[in-house]
Amino acid sequence: MVTIICGDKKFEEVEIFCFDKDGTLLTLNMYKPVMKKRAELLLDKYGLKQENYNDLLSLMGLNPETEEIDHKGPIHIERVEIIRRTREYLRTFSINSSIEEIAELFDEVDHLIDFTEYVEAFDGVSSLLNQLRDKGIKLMVSTHDSTEPASKQLASAGLFDYFDLIYGLDIDSPYQAKPAPDMLQYGCKTLEVDISKSIVVGDDDRDLLMGRNAGALACIGVLSGKAEEKDFKHADVIVDSIANIKIK
């Protein structure tokens, strides 16, 4: 029997951990070059003016003046929604690009960027994943990023092989975005584990509400991403980072 100790709480008979990716396992620094390259390719492909570059950066979650991540902006919106917003922005210039065409451009950026140069896991992540694997706990990732780039980023951080499943939100995904319970339900069904013995960890209350809606054993909020303590309405416990989760 595996017991998870988190703050003053104990959770027993845990079978699976479901982690969010950005702000939970990985820092957001990798998105700076990604957003810049997306904006550059969009300008080139559609013949936009240089002044549109800043609009596109803002649309994707980068402050155009400081070129820093806007943690209160759209950086945490699912990738497919950013693609839709990009399409709507282009339509203001009578550019009728399709969702699929913009998605292909975003995918191209993922192949052009050397993620090993930018991807960084938070302190304590590898140690926790090692311990959980040694105890026979199943591990999955549920992210609003698309599956392929999410897998590539986790591989660049040396974390890919820890996970039994990586679920991203793709254009053709059969499950709904968080906070719908779908991703956790799909994961537990695929791995044949009891959803009532699952723990969800995330830096966004939508991660935790997914767990609550699915009937998870526990929902742990981490302050390593965008959220402040007051933002978590559905957390059983809140910790500074993954490093504060202990195993007995």
Protein backbone atom coordinates (compact mmCIF):
# COMPACT_ATOMS: atom_id res chain seq x y z
CA MET A 1 0.00 0.00 0.00
CA VAL A 2 1.36 3.40 -1.01
CA THR A 3 0.68 6.44 1.17
CA ILE A 4 1.21 9.96 -0.11
CA ILE A 5 2.00 12.65 2.44
CA CYS A 6 1.39 16.24 1.42
CA GLY A 7 1.44 18.96 4.05
CA ASP A 8 -0.74 17.73 6.90
CA LYS A 9 -2.72 15.36 4.65
CA LYS A 10 -2.25 11.65 3.97
CA PHE A 11 -3.72 9.79 1.01
CA GLU A 12 -3.65 6.00 1.06
CA GLU A 13 -3.93 3.19 -1.50
CA VAL A 14 -2.90 5.42 -4.39
CA GLU A 15 -2.68 3.71 -7.80
CA ILE A 16 -2.13 6.54 -10.28
CA PHE A 17 -0.86 10.12 -10.44
CA CYS A 18 -2.13 12.49 -13.13
CA PHE A 19 0.09 15.55 -13.66
CA ASP A 20 -0.48 18.74 -15.56
CA LYS A 21 2.60 19.67 -17.65
CA ASP A 22 3.27 23.41 -17.86
CA GLY A 23 3.77 25.11 -14.52
CA THR A 24 3.63 21.76 -12.74
CA LEU A 25 6.33 19.55 -14.25
CA LEU A 26 8.00 22.05 -16.59
CA THR A 27 8.71 25.78 -16.44
CA LEU A 28 7.18 28.02 -19.11
CA ASN A 29 10.48 29.39 -20.45
CA MET A 30 10.37 27.17 -23.55
CA TYR A 31 7.38 29.09 -24.89
CA LYS A 32 9.32 32.31 -25.48
CA PRO A 33 11.16 31.08 -28.61
CA VAL A 34 8.07 29.13 -29.70
CA MET A 35 5.83 32.19 -29.69
CA LYS A 36 8.40 34.33 -31.46
CA LYS A 37 8.90 31.75 -34.19
CA ARG A 38 5.15 31.28 -34.67
CA ALA A 39 4.72 35.05 -35.11
CA GLU A 40 7.66 35.21 -37.56
CA LEU A 41 6.29 32.39 -39.72
CA LEU A 42 2.78 33.84 -39.69
CA LEU A 43 4.11 37.21 -40.86
CA ASP A 44 6.07 35.59 -43.63
CA LYS A 45 3.35 33.17 -44.75
CA TYR A 46 0.53 35.69 -44.93
CA GLY A 47 2.47 38.84 -45.86
CA LEU A 48 1.57 40.72 -42.69
CA LYS A 49 3.29 43.91 -41.55
CA GLN A 50 5.87 44.08 -38.80
CA GLU A 51 3.38 45.89 -36.56
CA ASN A 52 1.25 42.72 -36.55
CA TYR A 53 4.12 40.83 -34.92
CA ASN A 54 3.36 42.39 -31.52
CA ASP A 55 -0.34 41.59 -31.87
CA LEU A 56 0.48 37.95 -32.50
CA LEU A 57 2.83 37.77 -29.52
CA SER A 58 0.10 39.17 -27.27
CA LEU A 59 -2.45 36.79 -28.74
CA MET A 60 -0.25 33.83 -27.79
CA GLY A 61 0.73 35.03 -24.31
CA LEU A 62 3.99 36.94 -24.63
CA ASN A 63 4.34 40.57 -23.57
CA PRO A 64 5.60 42.28 -26.77
CA GLU A 65 7.39 45.03 -24.85
CA THR A 66 9.33 42.87 -22.39
CA GLU A 67 9.21 39.61 -24.40
CA GLU A 68 8.38 37.85 -21.15
CA ILE A 69 5.58 35.36 -20.46
CA ASP A 70 2.34 37.05 -19.43
CA HIS A 71 1.27 34.66 -16.67
CA LYS A 72 -2.18 36.22 -16.48
CA GLY A 73 -2.63 36.10 -20.25
CA PRO A 74 -3.56 33.37 -22.75
CA ILE A 75 -0.43 31.26 -22.14
CA HIS A 76 -2.61 28.82 -20.18
CA ILE A 77 -5.33 28.54 -22.82
CA GLU A 78 -5.41 25.26 -24.72
CA ARG A 79 -3.35 25.16 -27.91
CA VAL A 80 -6.35 24.51 -30.16
CA GLU A 81 -8.03 27.67 -28.83
CA ILE A 82 -4.90 29.73 -29.59
CA ILE A 83 -5.04 28.34 -33.12
CA ARG A 84 -8.69 29.39 -33.41
CA ARG A 85 -7.89 32.88 -32.12
CA THR A 86 -5.07 33.15 -34.63
CA ARG A 87 -7.49 32.25 -37.42
CA GLU A 88 -9.94 34.93 -36.23
CA TYR A 89 -7.14 37.51 -36.10
CA LEU A 90 -6.11 36.67 -39.65
CA ARG A 91 -9.70 37.02 -40.80
CA THR A 92 -9.64 40.70 -39.77
CA PHE A 93 -7.23 41.09 -42.71
CA SER A 94 -9.47 39.01 -45.02
CA ILE A 95 -7.09 36.05 -44.72
CA ASN A 96 -9.27 32.94 -44.70
CA SER A 97 -6.82 30.37 -43.40
CA SER A 98 -8.12 27.08 -42.03
CA ILE A 99 -7.61 25.64 -38.56
CA GLU A 100 -5.64 22.80 -40.13
CA GLU A 101 -3.32 25.16 -42.00
CA ILE A 102 -2.46 27.14 -38.88
CA ALA A 103 -2.05 23.93 -36.88
CA GLU A 104 0.48 22.74 -39.47
CA LEU A 105 2.42 25.99 -39.06
CA PHE A 106 2.43 25.55 -35.26
CA ASP A 107 3.64 21.96 -35.75
CA GLU A 108 6.41 23.22 -38.03
CA VAL A 109 7.62 25.50 -35.23
CA ASP A 110 7.74 22.54 -32.84
CA HIS A 111 10.12 20.80 -35.24
CA LEU A 112 12.28 23.89 -35.76
CA ILE A 113 12.83 24.63 -32.07
CA ASP A 114 15.55 22.74 -30.21
CA PHE A 115 13.62 22.17 -27.01
CA THR A 116 16.65 20.72 -25.22
CA GLU A 117 17.99 24.28 -25.09
CA TYR A 118 14.91 25.71 -23.36
CA VAL A 119 12.94 22.96 -21.57
CA GLU A 120 13.49 22.83 -17.84
CA ALA A 121 11.85 20.65 -15.20
CA PHE A 122 11.16 22.03 -11.76
CA ASP A 123 13.37 20.93 -8.88
CA GLY A 124 12.24 17.66 -7.37
CA VAL A 125 10.28 16.39 -10.38
CA SER A 126 12.65 13.58 -11.39
CA SER A 127 13.08 12.47 -7.80
CA LEU A 128 9.33 12.22 -7.21
CA LEU A 129 8.68 10.40 -10.50
CA ASN A 130 11.46 7.93 -9.70
CA GLN A 131 9.99 7.18 -6.30
CA LEU A 132 6.48 6.76 -7.66
CA ARG A 133 7.65 4.39 -10.39
CA ASP A 134 9.61 2.35 -7.84
CA LYS A 135 6.40 1.94 -5.84
CA GLY A 136 4.49 0.71 -8.90
CA ILE A 137 2.34 3.84 -9.24
CA LYS A 138 1.00 4.52 -12.74
CA LEU A 139 1.87 7.94 -14.13
CA MET A 140 0.11 10.06 -16.72
CA VAL A 141 0.15 13.62 -18.05
CA SER A 142 -2.95 15.54 -19.07
CA THR A 143 -2.20 18.82 -20.80
CA HIS A 144 -3.95 21.40 -22.95
CA ASP A 145 -0.92 21.37 -25.21
CA SER A 146 -1.05 19.01 -28.20
CA THR A 147 0.19 15.48 -27.62
CA GLU A 148 3.20 15.47 -29.96
CA PRO A 149 4.89 18.68 -28.74
CA ALA A 150 4.06 17.76 -25.13
CA SER A 151 5.81 14.42 -25.60
CA LYS A 152 8.77 16.11 -27.27
CA GLN A 153 9.13 18.62 -24.44
CA LEU A 154 8.95 15.93 -21.76
CA ALA A 155 11.57 13.93 -23.66
CA SER A 156 13.82 16.99 -23.81
CA ALA A 157 13.55 17.29 -20.04
CA GLY A 158 14.41 13.60 -19.61
CA LEU A 159 10.93 12.79 -18.26
CA PHE A 160 9.16 11.05 -21.14
CA ASP A 161 10.02 7.49 -20.12
CA TYR A 162 8.48 7.88 -16.68
CA PHE A 163 4.96 8.15 -18.05
CA ASP A 164 2.54 5.40 -18.99
CA LEU A 165 0.33 7.88 -20.85
CA ILE A 166 0.60 11.42 -22.17
CA TYR A 167 -2.74 12.95 -23.14
CA GLY A 168 -2.70 16.23 -25.01
CA LEU A 169 -5.62 18.17 -26.42
CA ASP A 170 -5.48 17.70 -30.17
CA ILE A 171 -7.90 18.95 -32.80
CA ASP A 172 -9.37 15.45 -33.13
CA SER A 173 -9.15 14.41 -29.45
CA PRO A 174 -12.15 12.32 -28.32
CA TYR A 175 -12.12 13.96 -24.89
CA GLN A 176 -12.99 17.45 -23.72
CA ALA A 177 -10.64 20.01 -22.19
CA LYS A 178 -10.19 20.36 -18.45
CA PRO A 179 -12.12 20.86 -16.18
CA ALA A 180 -14.20 18.16 -17.86
CA PRO A 181 -13.35 14.78 -16.29
CA ASP A 182 -12.63 13.14 -19.65
CA MET A 183 -8.83 13.04 -19.71
CA LEU A 184 -8.53 11.44 -16.29
CA GLN A 185 -11.37 9.04 -17.06
CA TYR A 186 -9.74 7.99 -20.33
CA GLY A 187 -6.38 7.51 -18.62
CA CYS A 188 -7.68 5.39 -15.76
CA LYS A 189 -9.76 3.27 -18.13
CA THR A 190 -6.80 2.71 -20.47
CA LEU A 191 -4.45 1.80 -17.63
CA GLU A 192 -7.12 -0.26 -15.84
CA VAL A 193 -6.84 1.52 -12.52
CA ASP A 194 -9.50 2.70 -10.10
CA ILE A 195 -10.19 6.38 -10.62
CA SER A 196 -11.05 6.71 -6.92
CA LYS A 197 -7.40 5.89 -6.21
CA SER A 198 -6.01 8.65 -8.42
CA ILE A 199 -4.24 11.85 -7.42
CA VAL A 200 -4.31 14.91 -9.67
CA VAL A 201 -1.53 17.51 -9.46
CA GLY A 202 -1.69 20.87 -11.22
CA ASP A 203 -0.97 24.59 -11.10
CA ASP A 204 -4.42 25.60 -12.39
CA ASP A 205 -7.73 25.07 -10.63
CA ARG A 206 -9.10 23.57 -13.84
CA ASP A 207 -6.67 20.67 -13.36
CA LEU A 208 -8.07 20.04 -9.91
CA LEU A 209 -11.69 20.46 -10.94
CA MET A 210 -11.09 17.78 -13.60
CA GLY A 211 -10.05 15.47 -10.76
CA ARG A 212 -12.99 16.49 -8.61
CA ASN A 213 -15.44 15.95 -11.49
CA ALA A 214 -13.95 12.52 -12.20
CA GLY A 215 -14.04 11.34 -8.60
CA ALA A 216 -10.31 11.40 -7.85
CA LEU A 217 -9.02 10.51 -4.41
CA ALA A 218 -7.18 13.83 -4.03
CA CYS A 219 -6.39 17.04 -5.87
CA ILE A 220 -3.09 18.79 -5.11
CA GLY A 221 -2.49 22.39 -6.16
CA VAL A 222 1.09 23.56 -6.73
CA LEU A 223 2.22 27.19 -6.62
CA SER A 224 5.04 26.71 -9.12
CA GLY A 225 2.94 27.96 -12.04
CA LYS A 226 0.49 30.82 -12.52
CA ALA A 227 -1.87 30.30 -9.60
CA GLU A 228 -1.83 31.92 -6.20
CA GLU A 229 -3.26 30.15 -3.19
CA LYS A 230 -6.52 32.10 -3.47
CA ASP A 231 -7.03 30.79 -7.01
CA PHE A 232 -7.44 27.18 -5.90
CA LYS A 233 -11.08 26.42 -5.09
CA HIS A 234 -10.93 22.64 -5.47
CA ALA A 235 -7.64 21.67 -3.81
CA ASP A 236 -7.46 19.17 -0.99
CA VAL A 237 -4.03 20.56 -0.23
CA ILE A 238 -1.78 23.28 -1.69
CA VAL A 239 2.02 23.07 -1.77
CA ASP A 240 4.80 25.27 -3.09
CA SER A 241 5.98 22.66 -5.59
CA ILE A 242 6.12 18.99 -6.47
CA ALA A 243 9.13 18.66 -4.19
CA ASN A 244 6.75 18.93 -1.22
CA ILE A 245 4.98 15.66 -2.10
CA LYS A 246 6.33 12.75 -0.04
CA ILE A 247 5.89 8.98 -0.31
CA LYS A 248 5.66 6.43 2.48
